[in-house]
Amino acid sequence: MGERRPYPGRRPDGDERPSRRADGRPSRRTDERPARSDERPARRAESSVAPATHRTGAPQRIAKLLARAGVGSRRDIERMIEEGRIAVSGTVLTSPALNLTSLAAVTVDGNPVAVTSATRLYRFYKPTGCLTTARDPKGRATIYDLLPKDLPRLVTIGRLDMNTEGLLLLTNDGELKRAMELPANALVRRYRVRVFGNVNARSLEALAEGVTIEGVRYGSINADIEHKSGAYAWLVINITEGKNREVRKVMEHIGLQVARLIRVGYGPFELEDLPVRGVEQVPDDLVSRLRSRLPAK
C-alpha cells in the first residue's frame, strides 16, 4: 500500500479526521499503485473494441459526436484532426467541418470508436510526481498509469501539474468536460496551499480585484490565511478560471514560495477522505443534476 498522507482538509487545531459524506454512505474506492513502465496502459482513445450500435439522428459536427463519445473535448478532437489521427470510411480528415449522423464509420488512430451508453464521472486523488496527460514523449509517469484498468476511456476535467496533488475529476463525456471547464460557468476550484515567506493579508485581499502577471490577466482570487506558524502558512484559495499554473504564479508574484499545493474541491465536488491514488465514481443522480445546471456554450 502507498503511504497514506494526512487528509489535506485538516483544521488548524490539528484535527485531521475527515468529514464523512453528507449522505452517510461509505465510499467505494480503489487504491492502486502505478503500473511498471513496461505495463503502461493503452491510450483510452485507442480502443480495439468493436463499436456498439450507433444511434442515428440529426447531423452534428464530428467534434461534438466524438466529444460525447468520450474521445476528448472538442478542442482535443480538432487537434487530433490536425494531426491526421481521425478518419471516416478510411479517409483521413483534414478539417473538423464535417456533419455526421453517427460514428459508425469513424476511426481514431485506426480503431473504431465505441459508443458510450451513459455519462460517468469519477473523483481521483492525483498524487505528486505524475502528469495529467494520456501519454508523455519523455516516458514520465501519467495518471493513466495509476488508474485501475477496468475503468472506461476517460478524459480529465482540467489539469493538475506534476507537483500538484488532490482532486482530479475524470469523465467519459467530452461535452461535460467542456462545460465544467468553461470560465463562463464559473465553477470554483478550491485549494489548500502551504507557502513560505512573509504572508501579507493586504496582498491577499488585493487578489480579489484580479492581477496581471507578464501580460496575462488573472480574474478575482479569494485567498485567506488558514493557519500560520513561523515562516510557513497554510492558505485557502478559490479561483474560477483555472489558468495554467495560476495559483503558483500568483503566489510567486506576491513573494510567496509554494511548498505544497492541494486541490480540495472543484464545483460541487470535494476531495473529502479519498486516499492518495483513490478513485470513486460520482453517483449518477449527482451527475444528472450537475449537467442540468451546466449547458455547454
Protein backbone atom coordinates (compact mmCIF):
# COMPACT_ATOMS: atom_id res chain seq x y z
CA MET A 1 0.00 0.00 0.00
CA GLY A 2 1.16 3.55 -0.72
CA GLU A 3 1.85 5.97 2.04
CA ARG A 4 -1.36 7.37 3.50
CA ARG A 5 -0.99 11.11 3.83
CA PRO A 6 -2.95 13.16 6.34
CA TYR A 7 -6.25 14.40 4.99
CA PRO A 8 -5.39 17.68 3.27
CA GLY A 9 -8.53 19.43 4.52
CA ARG A 10 -7.47 19.25 8.16
CA ARG A 11 -8.24 22.08 10.52
CA PRO A 12 -5.54 24.28 12.05
CA ASP A 13 -6.28 22.86 15.50
CA GLY A 14 -4.70 19.55 14.41
CA ASP A 15 -7.92 17.54 13.97
CA GLU A 16 -7.08 15.58 10.84
CA ARG A 17 -10.20 13.39 10.86
CA PRO A 18 -12.05 13.98 7.57
CA SER A 19 -15.76 14.72 7.47
CA ARG A 20 -17.99 11.94 6.19
CA ARG A 21 -20.11 12.15 3.07
CA ALA A 22 -23.29 14.15 3.50
CA ASP A 23 -25.49 11.10 2.82
CA GLY A 24 -23.59 8.98 5.36
CA ARG A 25 -22.76 6.28 2.82
CA PRO A 26 -19.29 4.69 2.85
CA SER A 27 -17.08 5.49 -0.12
CA ARG A 28 -16.26 2.86 -2.72
CA ARG A 29 -12.66 3.30 -3.75
CA THR A 30 -9.59 1.66 -5.08
CA ASP A 31 -6.02 2.48 -4.15
CA GLU A 32 -3.82 1.31 -6.99
CA ARG A 33 -0.06 1.54 -7.27
CA PRO A 34 1.41 2.70 -10.60
CA ALA A 35 1.99 0.05 -13.22
CA ARG A 36 5.58 -0.73 -14.18
CA SER A 37 6.90 1.26 -17.12
CA ASP A 38 6.62 -1.82 -19.33
CA GLU A 39 2.96 -2.22 -18.42
CA ARG A 40 1.70 1.23 -19.42
CA PRO A 41 -1.99 1.05 -20.34
CA ALA A 42 -3.04 1.84 -23.86
CA ARG A 43 -4.39 5.31 -24.54
CA ARG A 44 -8.09 5.26 -23.79
CA ALA A 45 -8.95 6.68 -27.23
CA GLU A 46 -7.25 3.74 -28.93
CA SER A 47 -9.99 1.22 -28.29
CA SER A 48 -9.77 -2.10 -30.05
CA VAL A 49 -13.35 -2.99 -29.11
CA ALA A 50 -15.78 -3.17 -31.98
CA PRO A 51 -18.20 -0.24 -31.95
CA ALA A 52 -21.57 -0.67 -30.32
CA THR A 53 -24.76 0.11 -32.18
CA HIS A 54 -24.61 3.78 -33.20
CA ARG A 55 -27.83 5.73 -32.94
CA THR A 56 -28.63 7.98 -35.84
CA GLY A 57 -30.31 11.35 -35.70
CA ALA A 58 -29.91 14.89 -36.94
CA PRO A 59 -26.43 15.58 -38.39
CA GLN A 60 -23.95 17.03 -35.89
CA ARG A 61 -20.36 18.22 -36.10
CA ILE A 62 -17.94 15.32 -35.79
CA ALA A 63 -16.12 17.03 -32.93
CA LYS A 64 -19.33 17.15 -30.90
CA LEU A 65 -20.15 13.49 -31.59
CA LEU A 66 -16.66 12.35 -30.63
CA ALA A 67 -16.73 14.51 -27.50
CA ARG A 68 -20.00 12.91 -26.43
CA ALA A 69 -18.38 9.50 -27.00
CA GLY A 70 -15.61 10.42 -24.55
CA VAL A 71 -12.71 10.66 -27.01
CA GLY A 72 -11.82 14.13 -25.72
CA SER A 73 -13.00 17.71 -25.64
CA ARG A 74 -13.93 19.44 -28.90
CA ARG A 75 -10.62 21.25 -28.80
CA ASP A 76 -8.78 17.95 -28.27
CA ILE A 77 -10.57 16.43 -31.24
CA GLU A 78 -9.83 19.37 -33.51
CA ARG A 79 -6.16 18.96 -32.58
CA MET A 80 -6.35 15.23 -33.35
CA ILE A 81 -7.83 16.02 -36.76
CA GLU A 82 -4.92 18.39 -37.45
CA GLU A 83 -2.56 15.54 -36.56
CA GLY A 84 -4.30 13.21 -39.05
CA ARG A 85 -5.48 10.77 -36.39
CA ILE A 86 -9.19 10.67 -37.28
CA ALA A 87 -10.68 9.08 -40.39
CA VAL A 88 -14.15 8.48 -41.84
CA SER A 89 -14.66 5.40 -44.03
CA GLY A 90 -10.87 5.14 -44.31
CA THR A 91 -10.33 8.74 -45.43
CA VAL A 92 -8.22 10.82 -43.06
CA LEU A 93 -9.92 14.08 -42.10
CA THR A 94 -8.16 17.38 -42.67
CA SER A 95 -10.90 19.65 -41.28
CA PRO A 96 -13.46 19.44 -38.43
CA ALA A 97 -16.09 20.98 -40.71
CA LEU A 98 -17.98 17.73 -41.17
CA ASN A 99 -21.50 16.80 -40.05
CA LEU A 100 -22.43 13.19 -39.35
CA THR A 101 -25.50 11.36 -38.07
CA SER A 102 -23.43 8.69 -36.28
CA LEU A 103 -19.88 7.50 -35.60
CA ALA A 104 -20.35 4.15 -37.35
CA ALA A 105 -17.62 4.80 -39.95
CA VAL A 106 -15.28 6.85 -37.75
CA THR A 107 -11.91 5.62 -36.51
CA VAL A 108 -9.39 7.19 -34.14
CA ASP A 109 -5.78 6.11 -34.64
CA GLY A 110 -7.15 3.38 -36.90
CA ASN A 111 -9.53 1.95 -34.29
CA PRO A 112 -13.35 2.08 -34.25
CA VAL A 113 -14.98 4.40 -31.75
CA ALA A 114 -17.10 2.60 -29.19
CA VAL A 115 -20.27 4.41 -28.17
CA THR A 116 -20.61 5.37 -24.53
CA SER A 117 -24.02 4.45 -23.16
CA ALA A 118 -24.14 6.79 -20.16
CA THR A 119 -22.14 9.65 -18.68
CA ARG A 120 -19.78 8.65 -15.89
CA LEU A 121 -17.84 10.93 -13.56
CA TYR A 122 -15.07 9.90 -11.17
CA ARG A 123 -13.17 11.56 -8.34
CA PHE A 124 -9.46 10.74 -8.27
CA TYR A 125 -6.80 11.76 -5.76
CA LYS A 126 -3.87 12.61 -8.01
CA PRO A 127 -0.53 12.30 -6.21
CA THR A 128 2.51 14.41 -6.97
CA GLY A 129 5.07 13.09 -9.45
CA CYS A 130 2.77 12.23 -12.36
CA LEU A 131 1.44 14.13 -15.36
CA THR A 132 -2.17 14.88 -16.23
CA THR A 133 -1.90 13.61 -19.77
CA ALA A 134 -2.61 10.43 -21.72
CA ARG A 135 1.00 9.96 -22.84
CA ASP A 136 4.33 11.67 -22.40
CA PRO A 137 7.07 11.70 -25.07
CA LYS A 138 9.72 11.56 -22.33
CA GLY A 139 8.19 8.43 -20.81
CA ARG A 140 7.31 10.03 -17.48
CA ALA A 141 4.52 8.59 -15.36
CA THR A 142 0.99 9.81 -16.08
CA ILE A 143 -2.28 9.50 -14.19
CA TYR A 144 -3.30 6.68 -16.57
CA ASP A 145 -0.51 4.56 -15.11
CA LEU A 146 -2.26 4.83 -11.74
CA LEU A 147 -5.89 4.28 -12.73
CA PRO A 148 -7.48 0.83 -12.45
CA LYS A 149 -7.50 -0.96 -15.80
CA ASP A 150 -11.21 -1.78 -15.64
CA LEU A 151 -12.31 1.86 -15.94
CA PRO A 152 -13.85 3.10 -19.22
CA ARG A 153 -11.99 5.51 -21.53
CA LEU A 154 -11.73 8.74 -19.53
CA VAL A 155 -10.66 12.33 -20.07
CA THR A 156 -9.72 14.79 -17.34
CA ILE A 157 -11.71 17.86 -16.39
CA GLY A 158 -8.99 20.46 -16.10
CA ARG A 159 -5.41 19.59 -15.17
CA LEU A 160 -3.06 19.50 -12.22
CA ASP A 161 0.65 19.99 -12.83
CA MET A 162 3.19 17.33 -11.89
CA ASN A 163 3.89 18.72 -8.42
CA THR A 164 0.27 19.47 -7.52
CA GLU A 165 -1.88 16.85 -5.80
CA GLY A 166 -5.52 16.45 -4.91
CA LEU A 167 -8.92 16.25 -6.56
CA LEU A 168 -8.95 15.47 -10.27
CA LEU A 169 -12.28 14.78 -11.97
CA LEU A 170 -12.44 12.35 -14.89
CA THR A 171 -15.33 11.61 -17.23
CA ASN A 172 -16.20 9.60 -20.32
CA ASP A 173 -18.18 12.57 -21.68
CA GLY A 174 -16.23 15.26 -23.52
CA GLU A 175 -19.20 17.64 -23.52
CA LEU A 176 -19.41 17.50 -19.73
CA LYS A 177 -15.67 18.15 -19.58
CA ARG A 178 -16.05 21.22 -21.76
CA ALA A 179 -18.99 22.60 -19.76
CA MET A 180 -17.17 22.20 -16.45
CA GLU A 181 -14.03 23.87 -17.76
CA LEU A 182 -15.74 26.89 -19.32
CA PRO A 183 -14.85 30.09 -17.39
CA ALA A 184 -18.37 31.36 -18.15
CA ASN A 185 -19.82 28.63 -15.92
CA ALA A 186 -17.60 29.85 -13.05
CA LEU A 187 -17.11 26.57 -11.21
CA VAL A 188 -14.94 27.29 -8.18
CA ARG A 189 -11.65 25.39 -7.82
CA ARG A 190 -10.63 25.23 -4.15
CA TYR A 191 -7.04 24.76 -2.99
CA ARG A 192 -5.07 24.48 0.20
CA VAL A 193 -1.55 25.78 -0.27
CA ARG A 194 1.39 25.76 2.11
CA VAL A 195 3.61 28.75 1.46
CA PHE A 196 6.94 30.02 2.71
CA GLY A 197 7.57 33.71 3.10
CA ASN A 198 6.09 36.86 4.57
CA VAL A 199 2.32 36.46 4.23
CA ASN A 200 0.75 39.88 3.88
CA ALA A 201 -3.01 39.95 4.50
CA ARG A 202 -3.43 43.08 2.37
CA SER A 203 -1.68 41.45 -0.58
CA LEU A 204 -4.06 38.51 -0.32
CA GLU A 205 -7.10 40.77 -0.11
CA ALA A 206 -5.94 42.69 -3.20
CA LEU A 207 -6.14 39.48 -5.26
CA ALA A 208 -9.92 39.78 -5.14
CA GLU A 209 -9.58 42.53 -7.75
CA GLY A 210 -7.56 40.27 -10.05
CA VAL A 211 -3.93 40.66 -11.09
CA THR A 212 -1.90 40.91 -14.31
CA ILE A 213 1.36 38.94 -14.46
CA GLU A 214 3.64 39.14 -17.51
CA GLY A 215 0.75 40.30 -19.67
CA VAL A 216 -1.66 37.58 -18.50
CA ARG A 217 -4.78 38.75 -16.65
CA TYR A 218 -5.99 36.56 -13.79
CA GLY A 219 -9.51 37.19 -12.53
CA SER A 220 -10.74 37.55 -8.98
CA ILE A 221 -8.99 35.23 -6.50
CA ASN A 222 -10.25 34.67 -2.97
CA ALA A 223 -7.34 33.94 -0.61
CA ASP A 224 -7.45 33.59 3.18
CA ILE A 225 -4.95 32.60 5.85
CA GLU A 226 -5.98 29.30 7.43
CA HIS A 227 -3.04 28.81 9.76
CA LYS A 228 0.35 30.42 10.27
CA SER A 229 3.44 29.09 12.02
CA GLY A 230 6.74 30.94 11.77
CA ALA A 231 7.76 31.49 8.15
CA TYR A 232 5.19 28.97 6.89
CA ALA A 233 1.46 29.34 6.45
CA TRP A 234 -1.49 27.39 5.08
CA LEU A 235 -3.75 29.40 2.79
CA VAL A 236 -7.18 28.60 1.35
CA ILE A 237 -7.53 29.81 -2.23
CA ASN A 238 -10.60 29.85 -4.51
CA ILE A 239 -10.36 30.52 -8.24
CA THR A 240 -12.80 30.14 -11.14
CA GLU A 241 -10.61 30.37 -14.24
CA GLY A 242 -8.05 27.63 -13.66
CA LYS A 243 -5.39 29.03 -15.99
CA ASN A 244 -2.09 27.21 -16.38
CA ARG A 245 -0.24 27.10 -13.01
CA GLU A 246 -2.40 30.00 -11.84
CA VAL A 247 -2.03 29.53 -8.09
CA ARG A 248 1.74 29.05 -8.24
CA LYS A 249 2.28 32.09 -10.47
CA VAL A 250 0.10 34.34 -8.33
CA MET A 251 1.77 33.24 -5.11
CA GLU A 252 5.21 33.88 -6.61
CA HIS A 253 4.00 37.29 -7.79
CA ILE A 254 3.23 38.35 -4.21
CA GLY A 255 6.53 36.99 -2.89
CA LEU A 256 5.48 33.59 -1.58
CA GLN A 257 7.08 30.23 -2.35
CA VAL A 258 4.70 27.29 -2.71
CA ALA A 259 5.79 24.28 -0.64
CA ARG A 260 2.68 22.15 -1.18
CA LEU A 261 -0.42 22.62 -3.31
CA ILE A 262 -3.56 20.50 -2.92
CA ARG A 263 -6.83 20.88 -4.81
CA VAL A 264 -9.60 20.01 -2.36
CA GLY A 265 -12.67 20.96 -4.39
CA TYR A 266 -13.99 21.52 -7.90
CA GLY A 267 -17.51 22.85 -8.29
CA PRO A 268 -19.87 20.82 -6.08
CA PHE A 269 -17.33 18.00 -5.59
CA GLU A 270 -14.89 17.68 -2.69
CA LEU A 271 -11.76 15.61 -2.07
CA GLU A 272 -13.22 14.55 1.31
CA ASP A 273 -11.50 11.44 2.74
CA LEU A 274 -10.41 9.96 -0.59
CA PRO A 275 -6.93 8.42 -0.12
CA VAL A 276 -3.96 9.20 -2.35
CA ARG A 277 -4.47 7.36 -5.69
CA GLY A 278 -8.03 6.54 -4.64
CA VAL A 279 -10.84 6.51 -7.24
CA GLU A 280 -14.57 6.82 -6.61
CA GLN A 281 -17.46 7.06 -9.05
CA VAL A 282 -19.82 10.01 -8.51
CA PRO A 283 -23.45 8.86 -8.14
CA ASP A 284 -25.48 9.16 -11.36
CA ASP A 285 -28.11 11.44 -9.80
CA LEU A 286 -25.44 13.99 -8.85
CA VAL A 287 -24.05 13.90 -12.39
CA SER A 288 -27.53 14.44 -13.88
CA ARG A 289 -28.15 17.34 -11.51
CA LEU A 290 -24.84 18.92 -12.49
CA ARG A 291 -25.48 18.55 -16.22
CA SER A 292 -28.85 20.26 -15.91
CA ARG A 293 -27.09 23.31 -14.47
CA LEU A 294 -24.22 23.44 -16.98
CA PRO A 295 -25.33 23.96 -20.57
CA ALA A 296 -22.34 23.90 -22.90
CA LYS A 297 -21.74 27.16 -24.73
